Amino acid sequence: MKLVIKNGHLIDAKTGKNGICDILIEEGIIKEIGNIDEIPGCD
């Protein structure tokens, strides 16, 4: 099963930097972080 989180808010624990991005999760594992247009197979 694929799950896409649109406009997810991520915070880097090491640097404290944060941002908004799309996240692809497959079988409970984060597979891709970025813009949804750049993730193959997701519409």
Protein backbone atom coordinates (compact mmCIF):
# COMPACT_ATOMS: atom_id res chain seq x y z
CA MET A 1 0.00 0.00 0.00
CA LYS A 2 1.20 3.49 -0.87
CA LEU A 3 0.43 6.51 1.26
CA VAL A 4 1.23 10.06 0.16
CA ILE A 5 1.27 12.86 2.71
CA LYS A 6 0.79 16.16 0.89
CA ASN A 7 2.42 19.27 2.31
CA GLY A 8 3.89 17.45 5.30
CA HIS A 9 5.89 19.52 7.77
CA LEU A 10 9.32 18.01 8.44
CA ILE A 11 11.86 19.14 11.03
CA ASP A 12 15.51 18.01 10.87
CA ALA A 13 16.40 17.07 14.45
CA LYS A 14 20.12 17.73 13.92
CA THR A 15 19.95 21.17 12.32
CA GLY A 16 16.54 22.40 13.43
CA LYS A 17 15.71 23.33 9.83
CA ASN A 18 12.14 22.69 8.77
CA GLY A 19 10.13 22.69 5.60
CA ILE A 20 6.99 21.62 3.80
CA CYS A 21 7.16 18.70 1.37
CA ASP A 22 5.34 15.63 0.09
CA ILE A 23 6.18 12.24 1.62
CA LEU A 24 5.68 8.82 0.01
CA ILE A 25 5.31 5.87 2.42
CA GLU A 26 5.19 2.26 1.19
CA GLU A 27 4.61 -0.70 3.50
CA GLY A 28 5.32 1.53 6.52
CA ILE A 29 8.69 2.79 5.23
CA ILE A 30 9.39 6.34 4.05
CA LYS A 31 10.49 5.86 0.44
CA GLU A 32 10.65 9.40 -0.94
CA ILE A 33 10.59 12.95 0.35
CA GLY A 34 10.14 15.81 -2.08
CA ASN A 35 7.69 17.38 -4.45
CA ILE A 36 4.91 14.96 -5.49
CA ASP A 37 5.55 15.83 -9.15
CA GLU A 38 9.03 14.29 -8.77
CA ILE A 39 7.80 10.97 -7.29
CA PRO A 40 7.21 8.38 -10.05
CA GLY A 41 3.92 6.48 -9.98
CA CYS A 42 2.03 8.97 -7.80
CA ASP A 43 -0.73 11.15 -9.20
